[in-house]
Amino acid sequence: MTIYIVDIEAVDTRYTKQWKEHVPNLLRNATGKEVVVISGGETPQATTPGAFLNFGGTNVYKSKQLETIGEMFCEGKIKNEDYFLYTDAWNPTVIQLRYMAELLGVDIRIGGLWHAGSYDPHDFLGRLIGNKPWVRHAEQSMYECYDHNFYATQFHIDLFKKAFNTDNSKIVRTGWPMEYLQNTLSMYKGMKKRDLILFPHRIAPEKQVEIFRDLKEHLPQYEFVICQEQELTKNEYHNLLGEAKMVFSANLQETLGISWYEGALVDAIPMVPDRLSYSEMAIDAFKYPSEWTEDFNSYTTNKDAVIERIIYLMENYKDQQLNLNKQVKLLKDDFFGCSNMIKVLQY
């Protein structure tokens, strides 16, 4: 049996860069099986503004992956019991993979990691395309092509099931393969803190950066930094995390959330809304009522409460270490290690 990783393209400033090496090495060590990466070649580093990927480049990348897969079938390299793992399940080539396998009589299994889609009204697909039949039928078809649909949070599973008629037989709740983060960020833990609050998210409507900008005007005693405006390298970004006392979110879309875990690893307090994936992932000490930031009008109504909570956490920063330790343990054990996915691949 060979595990083929149909990977997501690597953008240097995203976790996808680390996945290029970490995921294959992790699977080799954990399963003892041969692991082969199916890449799409060079990756455009300039993402579509506000997005996670380049909307043109990602299709060039996936098309090259499909060409490689097709050639492997033609050459007879794909065998019964081989496993194809898509690190981004929203990849239409899985339909063509299933087409080739079934028509050629090769008994493979396929798994995919779901990140987002049109079923999330705040995702790019959800906002710009919505529930148009072509995209909903495509996502339903991709789901059915997978033997295992991996989701990092129960919130994401529930969100998907609201849009599609699915049962639990193909669903696996697993943390993402991000075991490396604790070691990667260890050198930034213990840095001298300053009164710095970070907005580490993409600048996109669903992240509500305008709330963060408004808070900056009302809290001049603190430094507010929107990371994506700085064009930071990974090292520069991690240095900012190491110096920050708080990571702030008013997000309307989040099926996992990596930056606030990175912050917690280096003792930056997360302040997150009690909604989305945060509800199951964050301890009570770091959640604020969802209605405070459900939109800008809600924020305006509840601005005093938001400001009061920020001041309390910032001024009592040193008292939060036990809560931070508890938060890190929960995230590390349940959401940023892929033990459940490994169990599936060890068959």
Protein backbone atom coordinates (compact mmCIF):
# COMPACT_ATOMS: atom_id res chain seq x y z
CA MET A 1 0.00 0.00 0.00
CA THR A 2 1.16 3.49 -0.89
CA ILE A 3 -0.23 6.72 0.57
CA TYR A 4 -0.42 9.42 -2.09
CA ILE A 5 -0.70 12.96 -0.75
CA VAL A 6 -2.48 15.28 -3.19
CA ASP A 7 -1.27 18.39 -1.44
CA ILE A 8 -2.46 21.96 -1.14
CA GLU A 9 -0.15 24.49 -2.74
CA ALA A 10 2.44 26.01 -0.43
CA VAL A 11 2.31 29.75 0.22
CA ASP A 12 5.37 30.87 2.18
CA THR A 13 3.40 32.94 4.70
CA ARG A 14 0.81 30.18 5.35
CA TYR A 15 0.93 26.91 7.24
CA THR A 16 0.76 25.17 3.86
CA LYS A 17 4.51 25.79 3.56
CA GLN A 18 5.20 23.68 6.65
CA TRP A 19 2.76 21.00 5.50
CA LYS A 20 4.94 20.34 2.43
CA GLU A 21 7.50 18.54 4.59
CA HIS A 22 5.71 17.86 7.85
CA VAL A 23 2.74 15.86 6.56
CA PRO A 24 4.70 13.36 4.44
CA ASN A 25 7.27 12.81 7.20
CA LEU A 26 4.54 12.43 9.82
CA LEU A 27 2.67 9.81 7.78
CA ARG A 28 5.83 7.85 6.96
CA ASN A 29 6.82 7.67 10.62
CA ALA A 30 3.33 6.98 11.94
CA THR A 31 2.22 4.36 9.41
CA GLY A 32 5.45 2.78 8.18
CA LYS A 33 4.04 2.94 4.64
CA GLU A 34 5.45 4.42 1.48
CA VAL A 35 4.32 8.03 1.07
CA VAL A 36 4.40 9.86 -2.26
CA VAL A 37 3.52 13.55 -2.70
CA ILE A 38 1.65 14.58 -5.86
CA SER A 39 2.53 18.25 -6.34
CA GLY A 40 1.33 20.77 -8.87
CA GLY A 41 4.70 22.46 -9.20
CA GLU A 42 5.46 26.10 -8.55
CA THR A 43 2.92 28.12 -6.59
CA PRO A 44 1.88 31.77 -7.09
CA GLN A 45 2.87 33.50 -3.84
CA ALA A 46 0.49 36.43 -4.40
CA THR A 47 -2.89 35.30 -3.14
CA THR A 48 -6.14 36.83 -4.38
CA PRO A 49 -6.76 39.82 -2.03
CA GLY A 50 -8.44 38.67 1.18
CA ALA A 51 -8.26 35.02 0.16
CA PHE A 52 -6.22 32.04 1.26
CA LEU A 53 -5.11 31.09 -2.28
CA ASN A 54 -4.68 32.54 -5.73
CA PHE A 55 -7.97 31.77 -7.48
CA GLY A 56 -6.31 31.35 -10.87
CA GLY A 57 -3.10 29.72 -9.74
CA THR A 58 -4.85 27.12 -7.59
CA ASN A 59 -6.57 25.69 -10.67
CA VAL A 60 -3.30 25.55 -12.61
CA TYR A 61 -1.80 23.69 -9.66
CA LYS A 62 -4.68 21.21 -9.41
CA SER A 63 -4.67 20.60 -13.16
CA LYS A 64 -1.01 19.61 -13.02
CA GLN A 65 -1.79 17.25 -10.14
CA LEU A 66 -4.52 15.64 -12.23
CA GLU A 67 -2.14 15.18 -15.14
CA THR A 68 0.30 13.35 -12.87
CA ILE A 69 -2.44 11.14 -11.42
CA GLY A 70 -3.74 10.27 -14.88
CA GLU A 71 -0.28 9.31 -16.10
CA MET A 72 0.21 7.08 -13.05
CA PHE A 73 -2.99 5.21 -13.87
CA CYS A 74 -1.92 4.88 -17.51
CA GLU A 75 1.41 3.44 -16.41
CA GLY A 76 -0.22 0.97 -14.02
CA LYS A 77 1.41 2.45 -10.91
CA ILE A 78 -1.79 2.75 -8.86
CA LYS A 79 -2.58 -0.49 -7.02
CA ASN A 80 -5.43 -1.92 -4.98
CA GLU A 81 -5.51 -0.61 -1.39
CA ASP A 82 -3.54 2.55 -2.23
CA TYR A 83 -4.77 5.59 -0.33
CA PHE A 84 -5.09 9.13 -1.74
CA LEU A 85 -5.10 11.88 0.89
CA TYR A 86 -6.17 15.34 -0.27
CA THR A 87 -4.92 17.96 2.17
CA ASP A 88 -7.59 20.27 0.75
CA ALA A 89 -10.81 18.37 0.08
CA TRP A 90 -12.18 21.17 -2.13
CA ASN A 91 -10.32 19.77 -5.14
CA PRO A 92 -12.44 18.77 -8.17
CA THR A 93 -9.75 16.34 -9.34
CA VAL A 94 -11.05 13.88 -6.77
CA ILE A 95 -14.04 13.30 -9.07
CA GLN A 96 -11.71 12.40 -11.93
CA LEU A 97 -9.62 10.25 -9.59
CA ARG A 98 -12.70 8.27 -8.58
CA TYR A 99 -13.72 8.06 -12.26
CA MET A 100 -10.40 6.49 -13.26
CA ALA A 101 -10.24 4.11 -10.31
CA GLU A 102 -13.72 2.70 -10.78
CA LEU A 103 -13.59 2.39 -14.57
CA LEU A 104 -10.15 0.76 -14.43
CA GLY A 105 -11.15 -1.52 -11.57
CA VAL A 106 -8.55 -0.31 -9.08
CA ASP A 107 -9.77 -0.52 -5.48
CA ILE A 108 -8.38 2.61 -3.82
CA ARG A 109 -9.51 4.65 -0.84
CA ILE A 110 -9.61 8.43 -0.65
CA GLY A 111 -9.64 10.93 2.19
CA GLY A 112 -9.88 14.70 2.21
CA LEU A 113 -9.39 17.51 4.74
CA TRP A 114 -12.22 20.05 4.51
CA HIS A 115 -11.31 23.68 5.18
CA ALA A 116 -14.28 25.65 3.82
CA GLY A 117 -16.77 25.90 0.98
CA SER A 118 -19.96 27.50 -0.30
CA TYR A 119 -21.89 25.94 2.58
CA ASP A 120 -20.26 28.56 4.84
CA PRO A 121 -22.05 31.86 4.04
CA HIS A 122 -19.02 33.86 5.17
CA ASP A 123 -16.49 31.98 3.04
CA PHE A 124 -15.45 33.47 -0.33
CA LEU A 125 -17.48 30.80 -2.13
CA GLY A 126 -20.43 31.39 0.16
CA ARG A 127 -20.35 35.16 -0.26
CA LEU A 128 -19.67 35.36 -3.99
CA ILE A 129 -21.37 32.22 -5.30
CA GLY A 130 -23.69 31.12 -2.51
CA ASN A 131 -25.97 28.16 -3.10
CA LYS A 132 -25.87 28.09 -6.89
CA PRO A 133 -26.60 24.52 -8.01
CA TRP A 134 -23.25 24.02 -9.73
CA VAL A 135 -21.20 24.65 -6.59
CA ARG A 136 -23.50 22.80 -4.18
CA HIS A 137 -23.70 19.74 -6.46
CA ALA A 138 -19.92 19.85 -6.92
CA GLU A 139 -19.32 19.87 -3.17
CA GLN A 140 -21.82 17.08 -2.62
CA SER A 141 -20.10 15.03 -5.33
CA MET A 142 -16.65 15.64 -3.86
CA TYR A 143 -17.93 14.59 -0.44
CA GLU A 144 -19.29 11.35 -1.92
CA CYS A 145 -15.99 10.63 -3.70
CA TYR A 146 -14.18 10.53 -0.35
CA ASP A 147 -14.25 7.45 1.83
CA HIS A 148 -13.19 9.67 4.73
CA ASN A 149 -14.13 13.35 5.07
CA PHE A 150 -11.91 14.90 7.73
CA TYR A 151 -13.00 17.98 9.72
CA ALA A 152 -11.05 19.70 12.47
CA THR A 153 -14.05 20.75 14.58
CA GLN A 154 -17.58 19.65 15.36
CA PHE A 155 -18.72 23.13 14.36
CA HIS A 156 -17.45 22.51 10.83
CA ILE A 157 -19.18 19.13 10.66
CA ASP A 158 -22.47 20.66 11.76
CA LEU A 159 -22.09 23.52 9.28
CA PHE A 160 -21.53 21.08 6.43
CA LYS A 161 -24.46 18.89 7.42
CA LYS A 162 -26.82 21.87 7.42
CA ALA A 163 -26.25 22.26 3.69
CA PHE A 164 -26.06 18.62 2.63
CA ASN A 165 -27.98 15.44 3.31
CA THR A 166 -25.18 13.40 4.84
CA ASP A 167 -24.87 10.87 7.62
CA ASN A 168 -21.84 10.25 9.81
CA SER A 169 -20.53 7.17 8.01
CA LYS A 170 -17.95 9.11 5.99
CA ILE A 171 -17.13 11.78 8.58
CA VAL A 172 -14.04 11.78 10.81
CA ARG A 173 -13.40 14.51 13.36
CA THR A 174 -9.65 14.91 13.70
CA GLY A 175 -7.20 17.62 14.61
CA TRP A 176 -5.06 19.01 11.81
CA PRO A 177 -1.45 17.82 11.28
CA MET A 178 0.19 20.75 13.06
CA GLU A 179 2.22 18.96 15.71
CA TYR A 180 5.27 20.99 14.67
CA LEU A 181 3.87 24.31 15.90
CA GLN A 182 4.90 23.89 19.53
CA ASN A 183 8.53 23.26 18.60
CA THR A 184 8.56 25.93 15.91
CA LEU A 185 7.32 28.60 18.30
CA SER A 186 9.28 27.53 21.39
CA MET A 187 12.08 30.03 20.64
CA TYR A 188 9.55 32.89 20.77
CA LYS A 189 8.13 31.92 24.14
CA GLY A 190 9.48 33.99 27.02
CA MET A 191 10.12 37.12 24.96
CA LYS A 192 9.64 40.45 26.69
CA LYS A 193 6.00 41.46 26.38
CA ARG A 194 4.71 44.90 25.54
CA ASP A 195 1.20 46.38 25.46
CA LEU A 196 0.59 45.01 21.99
CA ILE A 197 -2.68 43.62 20.59
CA LEU A 198 -2.58 41.75 17.27
CA PHE A 199 -5.07 41.16 14.49
CA PRO A 200 -3.47 38.08 12.87
CA HIS A 201 -6.27 37.27 10.41
CA ARG A 202 -6.72 37.88 6.70
CA ILE A 203 -8.08 41.29 5.77
CA ALA A 204 -11.44 40.08 4.50
CA PRO A 205 -15.07 41.01 5.25
CA GLU A 206 -15.67 37.92 7.39
CA LYS A 207 -12.81 38.91 9.71
CA GLN A 208 -14.32 42.34 10.55
CA VAL A 209 -11.08 44.27 10.67
CA GLU A 210 -13.05 47.53 10.96
CA ILE A 211 -13.90 46.60 14.55
CA PHE A 212 -10.20 46.27 15.35
CA ARG A 213 -9.47 49.63 13.72
CA ASP A 214 -12.18 51.28 15.80
CA LEU A 215 -10.86 49.77 19.03
CA LYS A 216 -7.45 51.23 18.26
CA GLU A 217 -9.00 54.72 18.28
CA HIS A 218 -10.58 54.17 21.70
CA LEU A 219 -7.63 52.47 23.40
CA PRO A 220 -4.58 54.68 22.68
CA GLN A 221 -2.73 53.22 25.67
CA TYR A 222 -2.20 50.00 23.68
CA GLU A 223 -0.48 49.29 20.39
CA PHE A 224 -2.74 47.70 17.76
CA VAL A 225 -1.18 45.92 14.75
CA ILE A 226 -2.93 44.37 11.75
CA CYS A 227 -0.38 41.76 10.73
CA GLN A 228 -1.33 41.43 7.06
CA GLU A 229 -0.76 45.14 6.53
CA GLN A 230 2.87 44.72 7.54
CA GLU A 231 3.90 42.19 4.82
CA LEU A 232 5.76 40.20 7.46
CA THR A 233 8.03 37.22 7.01
CA LYS A 234 7.22 34.19 9.16
CA ASN A 235 10.01 35.10 11.57
CA GLU A 236 8.84 38.71 11.86
CA TYR A 237 5.27 37.53 12.45
CA HIS A 238 6.36 35.10 15.15
CA ASN A 239 8.42 37.82 16.82
CA LEU A 240 5.32 40.01 16.98
CA LEU A 241 3.36 37.13 18.51
CA GLY A 242 6.12 36.66 21.07
CA GLU A 243 5.94 40.33 22.07
CA ALA A 244 2.14 40.59 22.07
CA LYS A 245 -0.07 40.31 25.13
CA MET A 246 -3.27 39.66 23.19
CA VAL A 247 -4.63 38.22 19.94
CA PHE A 248 -8.08 39.60 19.10
CA SER A 249 -10.84 38.11 16.96
CA ALA A 250 -14.27 39.27 15.86
CA ASN A 251 -14.42 36.68 13.09
CA LEU A 252 -17.61 35.62 11.37
CA GLN A 253 -15.91 32.65 9.72
CA GLU A 254 -13.66 30.19 11.49
CA THR A 255 -13.72 26.42 11.18
CA LEU A 256 -10.52 26.00 13.21
CA GLY A 257 -8.34 29.08 13.72
CA ILE A 258 -4.58 28.69 13.80
CA SER A 259 -3.24 32.14 14.67
CA TRP A 260 -4.83 32.26 18.12
CA TYR A 261 -3.26 28.88 18.94
CA GLU A 262 0.10 30.21 17.77
CA GLY A 263 -0.43 33.20 20.03
CA ALA A 264 -1.37 31.08 23.03
CA LEU A 265 1.78 28.98 22.52
CA VAL A 266 3.86 32.12 23.13
CA ASP A 267 1.65 33.43 25.95
CA ALA A 268 -0.51 35.89 24.01
CA ILE A 269 -4.00 35.95 25.51
CA PRO A 270 -6.71 35.06 22.99
CA MET A 271 -9.87 37.17 23.09
CA VAL A 272 -12.39 35.42 20.85
CA PRO A 273 -16.19 35.43 20.36
CA ASP A 274 -18.32 32.58 21.70
CA ARG A 275 -19.33 31.37 18.23
CA LEU A 276 -18.05 29.28 15.33
CA SER A 277 -15.25 26.84 16.16
CA TYR A 278 -14.20 29.06 19.07
CA SER A 279 -17.16 27.88 21.14
CA GLU A 280 -15.80 24.34 21.45
CA MET A 281 -12.11 25.26 21.40
CA ALA A 282 -11.76 28.21 23.78
CA ILE A 283 -12.03 28.06 27.55
CA ASP A 284 -14.51 30.40 29.20
CA ALA A 285 -11.83 32.82 30.41
CA PHE A 286 -11.04 33.86 26.85
CA LYS A 287 -14.51 33.91 25.23
CA TYR A 288 -16.76 36.95 25.08
CA PRO A 289 -20.49 36.93 24.20
CA SER A 290 -21.07 36.48 20.48
CA GLU A 291 -23.59 39.31 20.26
CA TRP A 292 -20.88 41.85 21.10
CA THR A 293 -19.42 41.62 17.57
CA GLU A 294 -22.01 39.90 15.37
CA ASP A 295 -21.71 42.89 13.04
CA PHE A 296 -20.50 46.47 13.31
CA ASN A 297 -23.83 47.73 14.64
CA SER A 298 -23.79 45.10 17.39
CA TYR A 299 -20.23 46.09 18.20
CA THR A 300 -21.24 49.77 18.41
CA THR A 301 -24.00 48.85 20.86
CA ASN A 302 -21.63 46.73 22.97
CA LYS A 303 -18.44 48.71 22.47
CA ASP A 304 -18.08 49.64 26.13
CA ALA A 305 -18.24 45.98 27.15
CA VAL A 306 -15.63 44.99 24.54
CA ILE A 307 -13.31 47.77 25.69
CA GLU A 308 -13.80 46.84 29.34
CA ARG A 309 -12.91 43.20 28.63
CA ILE A 310 -9.76 44.17 26.72
CA ILE A 311 -8.61 46.46 29.52
CA TYR A 312 -9.27 43.80 32.14
CA LEU A 313 -7.27 41.13 30.30
CA MET A 314 -4.42 43.47 29.41
CA GLU A 315 -4.08 44.96 32.88
CA ASN A 316 -4.31 41.53 34.52
CA TYR A 317 -2.13 39.81 31.95
CA LYS A 318 0.20 38.18 34.50
CA ASP A 319 -2.73 36.50 36.21
CA GLN A 320 -3.71 34.61 33.06
CA GLN A 321 -0.82 32.13 32.88
CA LEU A 322 -2.71 29.20 34.37
CA ASN A 323 -5.60 29.83 31.98
CA LEU A 324 -3.17 30.04 29.07
CA ASN A 325 -1.61 26.71 30.06
CA LYS A 326 -5.07 25.14 30.21
CA GLN A 327 -5.99 26.62 26.83
CA VAL A 328 -2.81 25.40 25.14
CA LYS A 329 -3.28 21.87 26.46
CA LEU A 330 -6.85 21.69 25.17
CA LEU A 331 -5.89 22.94 21.71
CA LYS A 332 -2.79 20.76 21.46
CA ASP A 333 -4.54 17.57 22.55
CA ASP A 334 -7.81 17.92 20.62
CA PHE A 335 -7.31 20.18 17.61
CA PHE A 336 -3.68 20.47 16.49
CA GLY A 337 -2.64 16.85 16.29
CA CYS A 338 -4.06 14.43 13.74
CA SER A 339 -4.17 11.18 15.74
CA ASN A 340 -7.65 10.25 14.49
CA MET A 341 -6.56 10.68 10.87
CA ILE A 342 -3.49 8.53 11.53
CA LYS A 343 -5.70 5.74 12.86
CA VAL A 344 -7.63 5.72 9.59
CA LEU A 345 -4.43 5.54 7.55
CA GLN A 346 -2.97 2.69 9.58
CA TYR A 347 -5.47 0.15 8.27
